[in-house]
N, C-alpha and C. Protein backbone atom coordinates (compact mmCIF):
# COMPACT_ATOMS: atom_id res chain seq x y z
N MET A 1 30.54 117.34 36.71
CA MET A 1 30.58 118.02 39.00
C MET A 1 29.91 117.52 40.02
N GLN A 2 30.24 117.83 40.59
CA GLN A 2 29.78 116.78 42.06
C GLN A 2 28.77 118.01 42.96
N LEU A 3 27.54 117.49 43.04
CA LEU A 3 26.60 118.47 43.74
C LEU A 3 26.60 118.02 45.05
N ARG A 4 27.09 118.49 46.49
CA ARG A 4 26.46 117.98 47.93
C ARG A 4 25.97 118.57 48.29
N ILE A 5 24.05 117.21 48.69
CA ILE A 5 23.38 117.98 49.39
C ILE A 5 23.98 117.04 51.54
N PRO A 6 23.38 117.70 51.26
CA PRO A 6 23.81 117.57 53.08
C PRO A 6 22.90 116.02 53.58
N PRO A 7 23.48 115.20 54.27
CA PRO A 7 22.47 113.89 54.85
C PRO A 7 20.48 113.95 55.10
N ALA A 8 20.51 115.37 56.20
CA ALA A 8 19.20 115.58 56.87
C ALA A 8 18.54 115.87 54.69
N LEU A 9 18.93 116.22 53.96
CA LEU A 9 18.32 116.32 52.84
C LEU A 9 18.16 115.29 51.85
N ALA A 10 17.99 114.40 52.54
CA ALA A 10 19.02 112.88 51.60
C ALA A 10 17.18 112.76 50.54
N SER A 11 15.79 112.68 51.37
CA SER A 11 15.22 112.90 50.76
C SER A 11 14.40 113.60 50.02
N LEU A 12 15.11 115.16 50.39
CA LEU A 12 15.12 115.96 49.40
C LEU A 12 16.09 115.93 47.63
N ALA A 13 16.91 115.52 47.96
CA ALA A 13 17.68 114.61 46.65
C ALA A 13 17.65 114.91 45.71
N LEU A 14 16.08 114.24 45.08
CA LEU A 14 15.93 114.97 43.22
C LEU A 14 15.35 115.88 43.41
N ALA A 15 14.81 116.86 44.22
CA ALA A 15 14.33 117.80 44.37
C ALA A 15 14.62 118.71 43.37
N GLY A 16 16.70 118.85 44.01
CA GLY A 16 17.00 119.75 42.90
C GLY A 16 18.87 119.52 42.62
N VAL A 17 18.25 120.25 41.99
CA VAL A 17 19.72 120.05 41.32
C VAL A 17 21.07 120.86 40.69
N LEU A 18 21.99 121.20 41.10
CA LEU A 18 22.69 122.30 40.33
C LEU A 18 24.04 121.64 39.29
N VAL A 19 23.54 122.20 37.81
CA VAL A 19 24.11 121.54 36.75
C VAL A 19 24.74 122.87 36.42
N ALA A 20 26.25 122.63 35.68
CA ALA A 20 26.48 123.88 34.65
C ALA A 20 26.77 122.83 32.98
N THR A 21 26.93 124.50 32.61
CA THR A 21 26.87 123.82 31.41
C THR A 21 27.55 125.05 30.29
N THR A 22 28.23 123.83 29.12
CA THR A 22 29.25 124.80 28.41
C THR A 22 28.13 125.17 27.10
N VAL A 23 27.93 126.76 27.30
CA VAL A 23 27.64 127.17 25.70
C VAL A 23 28.05 127.98 25.07
N GLY A 24 28.15 128.66 23.99
CA GLY A 24 29.38 130.48 23.88
C GLY A 24 27.97 130.98 24.27
N HIS A 25 28.71 132.13 24.45
CA HIS A 25 27.96 133.36 25.72
C HIS A 25 28.56 134.87 24.68
N ALA A 26 27.53 135.49 24.82
CA ALA A 26 27.84 136.83 24.92
C ALA A 26 27.98 137.95 25.78
N PHE A 27 28.08 137.29 27.03
CA PHE A 27 28.39 138.52 28.09
C PHE A 27 30.33 139.08 28.13
N ALA A 28 29.81 139.76 28.89
CA ALA A 28 30.95 141.34 28.73
C ALA A 28 32.00 140.62 29.33
N ASP A 29 31.73 139.90 30.33
CA ASP A 29 33.01 139.15 30.65
C ASP A 29 33.48 137.61 31.43
N ARG A 30 34.37 137.18 30.67
CA ARG A 30 33.90 135.53 30.49
C ARG A 30 33.22 134.81 31.49
N ARG A 31 33.40 135.49 33.06
CA ARG A 31 32.65 134.69 34.26
C ARG A 31 31.53 134.55 34.54
N ASP A 32 30.71 135.86 32.87
CA ASP A 32 29.41 135.96 33.27
C ASP A 32 28.27 134.80 33.22
N PHE A 33 27.13 134.78 34.22
CA PHE A 33 26.15 133.03 33.45
C PHE A 33 25.23 133.52 33.75
N THR A 34 24.44 132.63 33.00
CA THR A 34 22.45 132.69 34.15
C THR A 34 22.81 131.58 34.80
N PHE A 35 21.87 131.96 35.70
CA PHE A 35 21.56 131.23 36.71
C PHE A 35 19.87 130.58 36.63
N GLN A 36 19.15 129.80 36.18
CA GLN A 36 18.09 129.09 35.53
C GLN A 36 17.41 128.37 37.03
N ASN A 37 16.41 128.81 37.17
CA ASN A 37 15.27 127.83 38.07
C ASN A 37 14.23 126.83 37.49
N ARG A 38 15.11 125.40 37.05
CA ARG A 38 14.30 124.95 36.36
C ARG A 38 12.96 123.75 37.42
N ALA A 39 12.85 124.00 38.49
CA ALA A 39 12.35 122.79 39.61
C ALA A 39 10.96 123.22 39.21
N THR A 40 11.01 121.60 39.16
CA THR A 40 9.11 121.31 38.34
C THR A 40 8.15 120.64 39.78
N ASP A 41 8.68 120.40 40.88
CA ASP A 41 8.26 120.46 42.16
C ASP A 41 8.20 121.97 42.40
N GLY A 42 8.04 123.57 42.11
CA GLY A 42 7.72 124.52 42.95
C GLY A 42 8.29 125.05 43.09
N THR A 43 9.54 124.16 43.82
CA THR A 43 10.53 125.29 44.84
C THR A 43 11.28 126.55 43.82
N VAL A 44 11.28 127.65 44.81
CA VAL A 44 11.68 129.09 44.77
C VAL A 44 13.29 128.88 45.30
N ILE A 45 14.22 129.62 44.82
CA ILE A 45 14.77 130.00 45.08
C ILE A 45 15.41 131.13 45.65
N ALA A 46 15.68 131.05 47.27
CA ALA A 46 15.64 132.31 47.92
C ALA A 46 16.85 133.63 47.99
N LYS A 47 17.73 132.60 47.85
CA LYS A 47 19.43 133.43 47.63
C LYS A 47 20.50 131.91 46.75
N LEU A 48 21.12 133.15 46.11
CA LEU A 48 21.97 132.67 45.35
C LEU A 48 23.66 133.51 45.54
N PHE A 49 24.20 132.39 45.76
CA PHE A 49 25.71 132.63 46.56
C PHE A 49 26.58 132.33 45.48
N VAL A 50 28.19 132.97 45.10
CA VAL A 50 28.42 132.80 44.18
C VAL A 50 29.87 133.76 44.45
N SER A 51 30.78 132.77 44.92
CA SER A 51 32.72 132.70 45.49
C SER A 51 33.62 132.12 44.86
N THR A 52 35.08 133.12 44.99
CA THR A 52 35.81 131.93 44.65
C THR A 52 36.01 131.02 45.14
N SER A 53 36.62 129.97 44.31
CA SER A 53 36.85 128.08 45.17
C SER A 53 37.84 128.40 45.96
N ASP A 54 38.56 129.10 45.86
CA ASP A 54 39.85 129.86 47.43
C ASP A 54 39.26 129.81 48.28
N THR A 55 38.61 130.36 48.08
CA THR A 55 37.99 131.07 49.73
C THR A 55 37.58 130.24 50.44
N SER A 56 37.15 130.49 51.81
CA SER A 56 36.25 129.65 53.01
C SER A 56 34.77 130.22 53.12
N ASP A 57 34.85 131.81 52.26
CA ASP A 57 33.62 132.93 52.58
C ASP A 57 32.74 132.37 51.79
N TRP A 58 31.24 132.75 51.77
CA TRP A 58 30.10 133.12 51.05
C TRP A 58 30.41 134.50 50.78
N GLU A 59 30.31 134.42 49.47
CA GLU A 59 30.11 136.77 49.49
C GLU A 59 28.69 136.59 49.38
N GLU A 60 28.22 138.02 49.03
CA GLU A 60 26.59 138.58 49.20
C GLU A 60 25.60 137.50 48.56
N ASP A 61 24.25 137.68 49.35
CA ASP A 61 23.50 136.66 48.44
C ASP A 61 23.23 137.93 46.86
N THR A 62 23.77 137.02 45.70
CA THR A 62 23.07 137.64 44.49
C THR A 62 21.59 138.67 44.33
N LEU A 63 20.97 137.27 45.16
CA LEU A 63 19.41 137.59 44.96
C LEU A 63 18.80 139.29 45.75
N GLY A 64 20.00 139.50 46.55
CA GLY A 64 19.27 140.16 47.02
C GLY A 64 17.86 140.10 47.68
N LYS A 65 17.10 141.19 47.69
CA LYS A 65 15.67 140.76 48.26
C LYS A 65 14.56 140.09 47.03
N ASP A 66 15.31 140.05 45.98
CA ASP A 66 13.96 139.73 45.58
C ASP A 66 14.83 137.36 44.70
N VAL A 67 13.62 136.59 44.68
CA VAL A 67 13.74 135.18 44.85
C VAL A 67 13.58 134.88 43.45
N LEU A 68 13.66 133.31 43.06
CA LEU A 68 14.17 133.08 41.90
C LEU A 68 12.90 131.73 41.80
N ASN A 69 11.87 132.12 41.08
CA ASN A 69 10.45 130.97 40.89
C ASN A 69 10.80 130.02 39.69
N PRO A 70 10.72 129.13 39.49
CA PRO A 70 10.31 128.48 38.92
C PRO A 70 9.82 128.95 37.27
N GLY A 71 11.31 128.25 36.48
CA GLY A 71 10.71 128.80 35.06
C GLY A 71 12.06 130.21 34.97
N GLU A 72 12.40 131.07 36.27
CA GLU A 72 13.13 132.37 36.06
C GLU A 72 14.13 131.91 35.74
N SER A 73 15.04 133.18 34.97
CA SER A 73 16.49 132.62 34.61
C SER A 73 16.73 134.28 35.94
N TRP A 74 18.23 134.57 36.38
CA TRP A 74 19.30 135.64 36.86
C TRP A 74 19.71 135.77 36.17
N ASP A 75 20.78 136.43 35.68
CA ASP A 75 21.93 137.04 34.72
C ASP A 75 22.71 137.72 36.18
N ILE A 76 24.00 137.04 35.37
CA ILE A 76 25.03 137.10 36.95
C ILE A 76 26.61 137.74 36.16
N SER A 77 26.42 138.85 36.46
CA SER A 77 27.20 139.46 35.75
C SER A 77 28.98 140.18 36.37
N PHE A 78 30.05 140.15 36.43
CA PHE A 78 31.29 139.99 37.02
C PHE A 78 31.22 141.73 36.11
N SER A 79 32.27 142.38 36.95
CA SER A 79 33.12 143.60 36.80
C SER A 79 34.95 143.18 36.11
N LYS A 80 35.00 143.23 35.66
CA LYS A 80 36.19 143.14 34.70
C LYS A 80 37.17 143.29 36.15
N TYR A 81 37.04 145.09 36.66
CA TYR A 81 38.08 145.31 37.63
C TYR A 81 37.51 144.23 39.20
N ASP A 82 37.57 143.22 39.24
CA ASP A 82 37.58 142.97 40.73
C ASP A 82 38.82 142.59 40.97
N GLY A 83 39.12 142.18 42.52
CA GLY A 83 39.95 142.06 42.13
C GLY A 83 40.25 140.30 42.11
N ASP A 84 39.05 140.19 41.83
CA ASP A 84 39.60 138.27 41.27
C ASP A 84 39.03 138.47 39.19
N ALA A 85 39.74 139.18 38.77
CA ALA A 85 39.22 139.23 37.46
C ALA A 85 40.02 138.43 36.74
N GLY A 86 41.03 137.41 37.30
CA GLY A 86 41.57 136.50 37.09
C GLY A 86 42.14 135.22 36.97
N LYS A 87 40.25 134.82 37.61
CA LYS A 87 39.76 133.14 38.28
C LYS A 87 38.89 133.11 37.62
N CYS A 88 38.92 132.02 37.36
CA CYS A 88 37.64 131.14 36.83
C CYS A 88 36.81 130.09 37.71
N LEU A 89 37.55 129.44 38.29
CA LEU A 89 36.87 128.63 39.60
C LEU A 89 36.49 129.53 40.63
N TYR A 90 34.21 129.01 40.39
CA TYR A 90 33.87 128.92 41.36
C TYR A 90 33.35 128.41 42.09
N ASP A 91 32.58 128.35 43.77
CA ASP A 91 31.39 128.01 43.98
C ASP A 91 30.04 128.79 44.27
N ILE A 92 29.02 127.80 43.79
CA ILE A 92 27.91 127.99 43.75
C ILE A 92 26.82 127.63 44.97
N LYS A 93 26.29 128.83 46.01
CA LYS A 93 25.58 127.52 46.60
C LYS A 93 24.23 128.35 46.39
N ALA A 94 22.93 127.66 46.42
CA ALA A 94 21.85 127.66 46.12
C ALA A 94 20.89 127.64 47.38
N VAL A 95 19.97 128.33 48.46
CA VAL A 95 19.13 128.07 48.92
C VAL A 95 17.69 128.21 48.85
N THR A 96 16.89 127.11 49.78
CA THR A 96 15.64 127.46 48.47
C THR A 96 14.37 128.24 49.65
N ALA A 97 13.68 128.12 49.32
CA ALA A 97 12.66 129.25 50.97
C ALA A 97 12.32 128.20 51.38
N ALA A 98 12.67 126.77 51.27
CA ALA A 98 11.96 126.06 52.71
C ALA A 98 13.51 125.82 53.46
N GLY A 99 15.08 126.43 52.43
CA GLY A 99 15.85 126.61 53.37
C GLY A 99 17.16 125.46 52.90
N ALA A 100 17.31 124.83 52.23
CA ALA A 100 17.70 123.62 51.54
C ALA A 100 18.86 124.41 51.04
N GLU A 101 19.48 123.08 51.08
CA GLU A 101 20.59 123.91 50.70
C GLU A 101 21.71 122.79 49.70
N ALA A 102 22.11 123.87 48.11
CA ALA A 102 22.55 122.95 47.11
C ALA A 102 24.15 123.38 46.49
N TYR A 103 25.34 122.41 46.69
CA TYR A 103 26.19 123.17 46.20
C TYR A 103 26.46 122.49 44.79
N LEU A 104 27.29 123.08 44.15
CA LEU A 104 28.04 122.97 43.23
C LEU A 104 30.05 123.46 43.09
N TYR A 105 30.43 123.52 43.08
CA TYR A 105 32.23 123.02 43.56
C TYR A 105 33.00 123.26 42.61
N LYS A 106 34.04 124.72 42.44
CA LYS A 106 35.46 124.56 41.34
C LYS A 106 34.02 124.92 39.83
N VAL A 107 33.31 125.62 39.84
CA VAL A 107 32.59 125.35 38.58
C VAL A 107 33.41 126.21 37.27
N ASN A 108 33.65 126.08 36.38
CA ASN A 108 34.75 126.90 35.65
C ASN A 108 34.19 127.56 34.68
N LEU A 109 33.97 129.09 35.39
CA LEU A 109 32.95 129.97 35.01
C LEU A 109 33.59 130.59 33.50
N CYS A 110 34.53 130.58 33.00
CA CYS A 110 35.02 131.14 32.14
C CYS A 110 34.50 130.30 30.98
N SER A 111 34.76 129.04 31.32
CA SER A 111 34.21 127.80 30.00
C SER A 111 32.13 127.39 30.34
N THR A 112 31.86 128.14 31.64
CA THR A 112 30.29 127.90 31.40
C THR A 112 29.38 129.09 31.32
N ASN A 113 28.45 128.64 30.93
CA ASN A 113 27.77 130.21 31.46
C ASN A 113 26.57 129.95 31.63
N LEU A 114 26.01 128.79 31.91
CA LEU A 114 24.52 128.11 32.44
C LEU A 114 24.97 127.94 33.59
N ILE A 115 23.75 127.52 34.72
CA ILE A 115 23.58 126.81 35.46
C ILE A 115 22.19 126.75 36.09
N THR A 116 22.28 125.61 36.42
CA THR A 116 20.29 125.41 36.31
C THR A 116 20.02 124.27 37.39
N TYR A 117 19.51 124.77 38.57
CA TYR A 117 19.09 124.14 39.49
C TYR A 117 17.22 123.35 39.24
N GLY A 118 17.28 122.24 39.27
CA GLY A 118 15.94 121.46 39.32
C GLY A 118 15.70 120.40 38.91
N SER A 119 14.64 119.23 37.75
CA SER A 119 14.69 118.41 37.16
C SER A 119 15.57 118.43 36.04
N GLN A 120 16.44 117.53 35.83
CA GLN A 120 17.21 117.26 34.39
C GLN A 120 16.13 116.40 33.82
């Protein structure tokens, strides 16, 4: 999957990477996943957005007032009763405390349960 980083952030290209990993999971909804901040440079994730790939709008920030420090994880759960329950493809946007943005498009959350940000 391809990560898109705006040209203005080219010097930060190695600072943040979003990666989707497929492993078996025991979450309630097949779209549920864990987001991990594996940044080794102290990057804090301030906002995390997850929206279906067929919309042009981002849903609300899943972190709310929380932040995700390096080494921390955030579990994201979906309701089986939401209007998107039959959809699997989602876009993910992470915004750091410094304002840098990283994107991952068309992630199949029905077969992926781990998304990581940071060094690999």
